[in-house]
Amino acid sequence: MSEASEGISAPATYAEELVELTNEARGTEGLEPLKISECAESAALGREALVDRELEHAPLKPVLVACEADSAAENPS
């Protein structure tokens, strides 16, 4: 593992932890919890090799089309 990615959980574990913490924060604000899209998760895990590189915004259109979605939120990968 590179120096930049030390301390980072496996991508799937990190995603689960991130959604859990986000939903806790949303709950305190009275907002509905986020739901994980298996389709979008699969696309994201396919980009896990970028963990060792600088984060950048990836094109979302292919994921939106593949997952039959109209919109998406943040996409750092």
PDB file of N, CA and C in Angstrom:
ATOM      1  N   MET A   1       0.851  -1.186   0.000  1.00  0.00           N
ATOM      2  CA  MET A   1       0.000   0.000   0.000  1.00  0.00           C
ATOM      3  C   MET A   1       0.888   1.237   0.000  1.00  0.00           C
ATOM      4  N   SER A   2       0.489   2.240  -0.731  1.00  0.00           N
ATOM      5  CA  SER A   2       1.315   3.436  -0.807  1.00  0.00           C
ATOM      6  C   SER A   2       1.152   4.276   0.452  1.00  0.00           C
ATOM      7  N   GLU A   3       2.066   5.222   0.597  1.00  0.00           N
ATOM      8  CA  GLU A   3       2.005   6.132   1.745  1.00  0.00           C
ATOM      9  C   GLU A   3       0.703   6.918   1.759  1.00  0.00           C
ATOM     10  N   ALA A   4       0.204   7.290   0.564  1.00  0.00           N
ATOM     11  CA  ALA A   4      -1.027   8.080   0.477  1.00  0.00           C
ATOM     12  C   ALA A   4      -2.250   7.300   0.933  1.00  0.00           C
ATOM     13  N   SER A   5      -2.227   5.961   0.772  1.00  0.00           N
ATOM     14  CA  SER A   5      -3.412   5.188   1.105  1.00  0.00           C
ATOM     15  C   SER A   5      -3.305   4.450   2.439  1.00  0.00           C
ATOM     16  N   GLU A   6      -2.220   4.644   3.188  1.00  0.00           N
ATOM     17  CA  GLU A   6      -2.098   4.008   4.493  1.00  0.00           C
ATOM     18  C   GLU A   6      -3.225   4.487   5.395  1.00  0.00           C
ATOM     19  N   GLY A   7      -3.812   3.566   6.142  1.00  0.00           N
ATOM     20  CA  GLY A   7      -4.869   3.933   7.060  1.00  0.00           C
ATOM     21  C   GLY A   7      -6.246   3.959   6.421  1.00  0.00           C
ATOM     22  N   ILE A   8      -6.311   3.742   5.121  1.00  0.00           N
ATOM     23  CA  ILE A   8      -7.599   3.712   4.434  1.00  0.00           C
ATOM     24  C   ILE A   8      -8.087   2.269   4.419  1.00  0.00           C
ATOM     25  N   SER A   9      -9.345   2.060   4.791  1.00  0.00           N
ATOM     26  CA  SER A   9      -9.945   0.737   4.781  1.00  0.00           C
ATOM     27  C   SER A   9     -10.086   0.235   3.350  1.00  0.00           C
ATOM     28  N   ALA A  10     -10.368  -1.049   3.226  1.00  0.00           N
ATOM     29  CA  ALA A  10     -10.697  -1.596   1.914  1.00  0.00           C
ATOM     30  C   ALA A  10     -11.851  -0.774   1.350  1.00  0.00           C
ATOM     31  N   PRO A  11     -11.895  -0.567   0.029  1.00  0.00           N
ATOM     32  CA  PRO A  11     -12.920   0.313  -0.548  1.00  0.00           C
ATOM     33  C   PRO A  11     -14.349  -0.008  -0.130  1.00  0.00           C
ATOM     34  N   ALA A  12     -14.750  -1.262  -0.117  1.00  0.00           N
ATOM     35  CA  ALA A  12     -16.126  -1.607   0.254  1.00  0.00           C
ATOM     36  C   ALA A  12     -16.392  -1.275   1.713  1.00  0.00           C
ATOM     37  N   THR A  13     -15.432  -1.562   2.582  1.00  0.00           N
ATOM     38  CA  THR A  13     -15.583  -1.258   4.000  1.00  0.00           C
ATOM     39  C   THR A  13     -15.650   0.244   4.211  1.00  0.00           C
ATOM     40  N   TYR A  14     -14.786   0.971   3.531  1.00  0.00           N
ATOM     41  CA  TYR A  14     -14.784   2.431   3.627  1.00  0.00           C
ATOM     42  C   TYR A  14     -16.135   2.999   3.199  1.00  0.00           C
ATOM     43  N   ALA A  15     -16.674   2.482   2.096  1.00  0.00           N
ATOM     44  CA  ALA A  15     -17.964   2.975   1.601  1.00  0.00           C
ATOM     45  C   ALA A  15     -19.071   2.719   2.623  1.00  0.00           C
ATOM     46  N   GLU A  16     -19.084   1.526   3.212  1.00  0.00           N
ATOM     47  CA  GLU A  16     -20.095   1.199   4.218  1.00  0.00           C
ATOM     48  C   GLU A  16     -19.986   2.136   5.419  1.00  0.00           C
ATOM     49  N   GLU A  17     -18.757   2.378   5.875  1.00  0.00           N
ATOM     50  CA  GLU A  17     -18.536   3.271   7.015  1.00  0.00           C
ATOM     51  C   GLU A  17     -18.967   4.693   6.673  1.00  0.00           C
ATOM     52  N   LEU A  18     -18.651   5.136   5.471  1.00  0.00           N
ATOM     53  CA  LEU A  18     -19.000   6.488   5.040  1.00  0.00           C
ATOM     54  C   LEU A  18     -20.518   6.672   4.992  1.00  0.00           C
ATOM     55  N   VAL A  19     -21.220   5.698   4.427  1.00  0.00           N
ATOM     56  CA  VAL A  19     -22.680   5.790   4.351  1.00  0.00           C
ATOM     57  C   VAL A  19     -23.284   5.747   5.753  1.00  0.00           C
ATOM     58  N   GLU A  20     -22.754   4.887   6.614  1.00  0.00           N
ATOM     59  CA  GLU A  20     -23.269   4.801   7.988  1.00  0.00           C
ATOM     60  C   GLU A  20     -23.116   6.127   8.722  1.00  0.00           C
ATOM     61  N   LEU A  21     -21.931   6.729   8.640  1.00  0.00           N
ATOM     62  CA  LEU A  21     -21.696   8.008   9.314  1.00  0.00           C
ATOM     63  C   LEU A  21     -22.525   9.125   8.694  1.00  0.00           C
ATOM     64  N   THR A  22     -22.646   9.107   7.377  1.00  0.00           N
ATOM     65  CA  THR A  22     -23.463  10.115   6.698  1.00  0.00           C
ATOM     66  C   THR A  22     -24.916   9.999   7.130  1.00  0.00           C
ATOM     67  N   ASN A  23     -25.410   8.772   7.209  1.00  0.00           N
ATOM     68  CA  ASN A  23     -26.803   8.583   7.610  1.00  0.00           C
ATOM     69  C   ASN A  23     -27.037   8.977   9.066  1.00  0.00           C
ATOM     70  N   GLU A  24     -26.048   8.783   9.921  1.00  0.00           N
ATOM     71  CA  GLU A  24     -26.166   9.261  11.306  1.00  0.00           C
ATOM     72  C   GLU A  24     -26.333  10.778  11.314  1.00  0.00           C
ATOM     73  N   ALA A  25     -25.505  11.464  10.528  1.00  0.00           N
ATOM     74  CA  ALA A  25     -25.575  12.929  10.458  1.00  0.00           C
ATOM     75  C   ALA A  25     -26.898  13.370   9.845  1.00  0.00           C
ATOM     76  N   ARG A  26     -27.352  12.686   8.802  1.00  0.00           N
ATOM     77  CA  ARG A  26     -28.629  13.032   8.178  1.00  0.00           C
ATOM     78  C   ARG A  26     -29.773  12.834   9.168  1.00  0.00           C
ATOM     79  N   GLY A  27     -29.696  11.768   9.971  1.00  0.00           N
ATOM     80  CA  GLY A  27     -30.732  11.490  10.957  1.00  0.00           C
ATOM     81  C   GLY A  27     -30.869  12.594  11.985  1.00  0.00           C
ATOM     82  N   THR A  28     -29.735  13.165  12.385  1.00  0.00           N
ATOM     83  CA  THR A  28     -29.792  14.252  13.364  1.00  0.00           C
ATOM     84  C   THR A  28     -30.438  15.500  12.778  1.00  0.00           C
ATOM     85  N   GLU A  29     -30.472  15.583  11.460  1.00  0.00           N
ATOM     86  CA  GLU A  29     -31.093  16.724  10.780  1.00  0.00           C
ATOM     87  C   GLU A  29     -32.508  16.405  10.300  1.00  0.00           C
ATOM     88  N   GLY A  30     -32.990  15.209  10.648  1.00  0.00           N
ATOM     89  CA  GLY A  30     -34.338  14.820  10.245  1.00  0.00           C
ATOM     90  C   GLY A  30     -34.463  14.412   8.785  1.00  0.00           C
ATOM     91  N   LEU A  31     -33.344  14.072   8.161  1.00  0.00           N
ATOM     92  CA  LEU A  31     -33.358  13.682   6.746  1.00  0.00           C
ATOM     93  C   LEU A  31     -33.413  12.167   6.604  1.00  0.00           C
ATOM     94  N   GLU A  32     -33.961  11.706   5.502  1.00  0.00           N
ATOM     95  CA  GLU A  32     -34.020  10.274   5.206  1.00  0.00           C
ATOM     96  C   GLU A  32     -32.604   9.743   4.973  1.00  0.00           C
ATOM     97  N   PRO A  33     -32.367   8.485   5.321  1.00  0.00           N
ATOM     98  CA  PRO A  33     -31.037   7.910   5.091  1.00  0.00           C
ATOM     99  C   PRO A  33     -30.770   7.686   3.606  1.00  0.00           C
ATOM    100  N   LEU A  34     -29.508   7.726   3.245  1.00  0.00           N
ATOM    101  CA  LEU A  34     -29.098   7.390   1.888  1.00  0.00           C
ATOM    102  C   LEU A  34     -29.174   5.879   1.717  1.00  0.00           C
ATOM    103  N   LYS A  35     -29.372   5.445   0.486  1.00  0.00           N
ATOM    104  CA  LYS A  35     -29.386   4.026   0.170  1.00  0.00           C
ATOM    105  C   LYS A  35     -28.241   3.744  -0.790  1.00  0.00           C
ATOM    106  N   ILE A  36     -27.589   2.615  -0.608  1.00  0.00           N
ATOM    107  CA  ILE A  36     -26.497   2.232  -1.495  1.00  0.00           C
ATOM    108  C   ILE A  36     -27.070   1.596  -2.751  1.00  0.00           C
ATOM    109  N   SER A  37     -26.613   2.065  -3.895  1.00  0.00           N
ATOM    110  CA  SER A  37     -26.978   1.487  -5.181  1.00  0.00           C
ATOM    111  C   SER A  37     -25.938   0.430  -5.519  1.00  0.00           C
ATOM    112  N   GLU A  38     -26.375  -0.823  -5.657  1.00  0.00           N
ATOM    113  CA  GLU A  38     -25.431  -1.887  -6.006  1.00  0.00           C
ATOM    114  C   GLU A  38     -24.766  -1.614  -7.350  1.00  0.00           C
ATOM    115  N   CYS A  39     -25.517  -1.050  -8.278  1.00  0.00           N
ATOM    116  CA  CYS A  39     -24.976  -0.735  -9.594  1.00  0.00           C
ATOM    117  C   CYS A  39     -23.875   0.323  -9.491  1.00  0.00           C
ATOM    118  N   ALA A  40     -24.164   1.416  -8.783  1.00  0.00           N
ATOM    119  CA  ALA A  40     -23.173   2.485  -8.633  1.00  0.00           C
ATOM    120  C   ALA A  40     -21.985   2.008  -7.791  1.00  0.00           C
ATOM    121  N   GLU A  41     -22.254   1.169  -6.790  1.00  0.00           N
ATOM    122  CA  GLU A  41     -21.173   0.634  -5.963  1.00  0.00           C
ATOM    123  C   GLU A  41     -20.221  -0.195  -6.808  1.00  0.00           C
ATOM    124  N   SER A  42     -20.759  -0.988  -7.703  1.00  0.00           N
ATOM    125  CA  SER A  42     -19.930  -1.801  -8.595  1.00  0.00           C
ATOM    126  C   SER A  42     -19.040  -0.919  -9.464  1.00  0.00           C
ATOM    127  N   ALA A  43     -19.601   0.169  -9.986  1.00  0.00           N
ATOM    128  CA  ALA A  43     -18.819   1.092 -10.810  1.00  0.00           C
ATOM    129  C   ALA A  43     -17.714   1.749  -9.987  1.00  0.00           C
ATOM    130  N   ALA A  44     -18.040   2.124  -8.756  1.00  0.00           N
ATOM    131  CA  ALA A  44     -17.056   2.777  -7.890  1.00  0.00           C
ATOM    132  C   ALA A  44     -15.920   1.826  -7.516  1.00  0.00           C
ATOM    133  N   LEU A  45     -16.276   0.590  -7.194  1.00  0.00           N
ATOM    134  CA  LEU A  45     -15.243  -0.376  -6.813  1.00  0.00           C
ATOM    135  C   LEU A  45     -14.322  -0.688  -7.991  1.00  0.00           C
ATOM    136  N   GLY A  46     -14.834  -0.520  -9.197  1.00  0.00           N
ATOM    137  CA  GLY A  46     -14.008  -0.717 -10.381  1.00  0.00           C
ATOM    138  C   GLY A  46     -12.932   0.349 -10.519  1.00  0.00           C
ATOM    139  N   ARG A  47     -13.094   1.456  -9.820  1.00  0.00           N
ATOM    140  CA  ARG A  47     -12.122   2.546  -9.878  1.00  0.00           C
ATOM    141  C   ARG A  47     -11.216   2.573  -8.651  1.00  0.00           C
ATOM    142  N   GLU A  48     -11.275   1.527  -7.825  1.00  0.00           N
ATOM    143  CA  GLU A  48     -10.509   1.521  -6.589  1.00  0.00           C
ATOM    144  C   GLU A  48      -9.002   1.603  -6.804  1.00  0.00           C
ATOM    145  N   ALA A  49      -8.528   1.279  -7.979  1.00  0.00           N
ATOM    146  CA  ALA A  49      -7.096   1.364  -8.263  1.00  0.00           C
ATOM    147  C   ALA A  49      -6.594   2.803  -8.171  1.00  0.00           C
ATOM    148  N   LEU A  50      -7.495   3.767  -8.232  1.00  0.00           N
ATOM    149  CA  LEU A  50      -7.107   5.177  -8.172  1.00  0.00           C
ATOM    150  C   LEU A  50      -6.798   5.651  -6.759  1.00  0.00           C
ATOM    151  N   VAL A  51      -6.951   4.776  -5.755  1.00  0.00           N
ATOM    152  CA  VAL A  51      -6.696   5.169  -4.364  1.00  0.00           C
ATOM    153  C   VAL A  51      -5.276   5.697  -4.207  1.00  0.00           C
ATOM    154  N   ASP A  52      -4.356   5.182  -4.981  1.00  0.00           N
ATOM    155  CA  ASP A  52      -2.958   5.603  -4.878  1.00  0.00           C
ATOM    156  C   ASP A  52      -2.658   6.880  -5.649  1.00  0.00           C
ATOM    157  N   ARG A  53      -3.660   7.415  -6.343  1.00  0.00           N
ATOM    158  CA  ARG A  53      -3.452   8.614  -7.144  1.00  0.00           C
ATOM    159  C   ARG A  53      -4.285   9.750  -6.598  1.00  0.00           C
ATOM    160  N   GLU A  54      -4.074  10.914  -7.149  1.00  0.00           N
ATOM    161  CA  GLU A  54      -4.837  12.094  -6.737  1.00  0.00           C
ATOM    162  C   GLU A  54      -6.314  11.930  -7.098  1.00  0.00           C
ATOM    163  N   LEU A  55      -7.200  12.385  -6.218  1.00  0.00           N
ATOM    164  CA  LEU A  55      -8.624  12.292  -6.499  1.00  0.00           C
ATOM    165  C   LEU A  55      -9.012  13.236  -7.625  1.00  0.00           C
ATOM    166  N   GLU A  56      -9.948  12.794  -8.426  1.00  0.00           N
ATOM    167  CA  GLU A  56     -10.458  13.623  -9.511  1.00  0.00           C
ATOM    168  C   GLU A  56     -11.905  13.233  -9.767  1.00  0.00           C
ATOM    169  N   HIS A  57     -12.649  14.123 -10.410  1.00  0.00           N
ATOM    170  CA  HIS A  57     -14.029  13.811 -10.747  1.00  0.00           C
ATOM    171  C   HIS A  57     -14.043  12.972 -12.016  1.00  0.00           C
ATOM    172  N   ALA A  58     -14.686  11.828 -11.936  1.00  0.00           N
ATOM    173  CA  ALA A  58     -14.811  10.943 -13.085  1.00  0.00           C
ATOM    174  C   ALA A  58     -16.125  11.238 -13.795  1.00  0.00           C
ATOM    175  N   PRO A  59     -16.189  10.963 -15.084  1.00  0.00           N
ATOM    176  CA  PRO A  59     -17.453  11.179 -15.806  1.00  0.00           C
ATOM    177  C   PRO A  59     -18.561  10.306 -15.203  1.00  0.00           C
ATOM    178  N   LEU A  60     -19.710  10.903 -14.949  1.00  0.00           N
ATOM    179  CA  LEU A  60     -20.824  10.170 -14.356  1.00  0.00           C
ATOM    180  C   LEU A  60     -21.803   9.616 -15.386  1.00  0.00           C
ATOM    181  N   LYS A  61     -21.812  10.178 -16.581  1.00  0.00           N
ATOM    182  CA  LYS A  61     -22.812   9.770 -17.571  1.00  0.00           C
ATOM    183  C   LYS A  61     -22.843   8.258 -17.790  1.00  0.00           C
ATOM    184  N   PRO A  62     -21.709   7.562 -17.956  1.00  0.00           N
ATOM    185  CA  PRO A  62     -21.774   6.113 -18.156  1.00  0.00           C
ATOM    186  C   PRO A  62     -22.407   5.375 -16.964  1.00  0.00           C
ATOM    187  N   VAL A  63     -22.147   5.841 -15.765  1.00  0.00           N
ATOM    188  CA  VAL A  63     -22.723   5.208 -14.570  1.00  0.00           C
ATOM    189  C   VAL A  63     -24.218   5.491 -14.500  1.00  0.00           C
ATOM    190  N   LEU A  64     -24.614   6.736 -14.778  1.00  0.00           N
ATOM    191  CA  LEU A  64     -26.035   7.083 -14.758  1.00  0.00           C
ATOM    192  C   LEU A  64     -26.818   6.254 -15.765  1.00  0.00           C
ATOM    193  N   VAL A  65     -26.248   6.061 -16.949  1.00  0.00           N
ATOM    194  CA  VAL A  65     -26.921   5.271 -17.983  1.00  0.00           C
ATOM    195  C   VAL A  65     -26.993   3.808 -17.549  1.00  0.00           C
ATOM    196  N   ALA A  66     -25.873   3.255 -17.101  1.00  0.00           N
ATOM    197  CA  ALA A  66     -25.828   1.843 -16.702  1.00  0.00           C
ATOM    198  C   ALA A  66     -26.751   1.547 -15.531  1.00  0.00           C
ATOM    199  N   CYS A  67     -26.865   2.492 -14.613  1.00  0.00           N
ATOM    200  CA  CYS A  67     -27.679   2.299 -13.402  1.00  0.00           C
ATOM    201  C   CYS A  67     -29.092   2.843 -13.550  1.00  0.00           C
ATOM    202  N   GLU A  68     -29.430   3.322 -14.757  1.00  0.00           N
ATOM    203  CA  GLU A  68     -30.748   3.886 -15.025  1.00  0.00           C
ATOM    204  C   GLU A  68     -31.133   4.929 -13.978  1.00  0.00           C
ATOM    205  N   ALA A  69     -30.197   5.852 -13.724  1.00  0.00           N
ATOM    206  CA  ALA A  69     -30.406   6.913 -12.736  1.00  0.00           C
ATOM    207  C   ALA A  69     -30.498   8.263 -13.434  1.00  0.00           C
ATOM    208  N   ASP A  70     -31.219   9.180 -12.804  1.00  0.00           N
ATOM    209  CA  ASP A  70     -31.364  10.525 -13.358  1.00  0.00           C
ATOM    210  C   ASP A  70     -30.338  11.500 -12.811  1.00  0.00           C
ATOM    211  N   SER A  71     -29.841  11.221 -11.602  1.00  0.00           N
ATOM    212  CA  SER A  71     -28.904  12.141 -10.972  1.00  0.00           C
ATOM    213  C   SER A  71     -28.024  11.396  -9.986  1.00  0.00           C
ATOM    214  N   ALA A  72     -26.972  12.060  -9.575  1.00  0.00           N
ATOM    215  CA  ALA A  72     -26.062  11.503  -8.585  1.00  0.00           C
ATOM    216  C   ALA A  72     -25.455  12.650  -7.808  1.00  0.00           C
ATOM    217  N   ALA A  73     -24.922  12.334  -6.664  1.00  0.00           N
ATOM    218  CA  ALA A  73     -24.277  13.356  -5.834  1.00  0.00           C
ATOM    219  C   ALA A  73     -22.781  13.331  -6.109  1.00  0.00           C
ATOM    220  N   GLU A  74     -21.986  13.591  -5.108  1.00  0.00           N
ATOM    221  CA  GLU A  74     -20.534  13.694  -5.243  1.00  0.00           C
ATOM    222  C   GLU A  74     -19.925  12.398  -5.773  1.00  0.00           C
ATOM    223  N   ASN A  75     -18.894  12.538  -6.598  1.00  0.00           N
ATOM    224  CA  ASN A  75     -18.236  11.383  -7.215  1.00  0.00           C
ATOM    225  C   ASN A  75     -16.720  11.511  -7.145  1.00  0.00           C
ATOM    226  N   PRO A  76     -16.127  11.671  -5.961  1.00  0.00           N
ATOM    227  CA  PRO A  76     -14.664  11.710  -5.932  1.00  0.00           C
ATOM    228  C   PRO A  76     -14.121  10.304  -6.123  1.00  0.00           C
ATOM    229  N   SER A  77     -13.253  10.152  -7.094  1.00  0.00           N
ATOM    230  CA  SER A  77     -12.647   8.832  -7.313  1.00  0.00           C
ATOM    231  C   SER A  77     -11.263   8.973  -7.871  1.00  0.00           C
TER     232      SER A  77
END
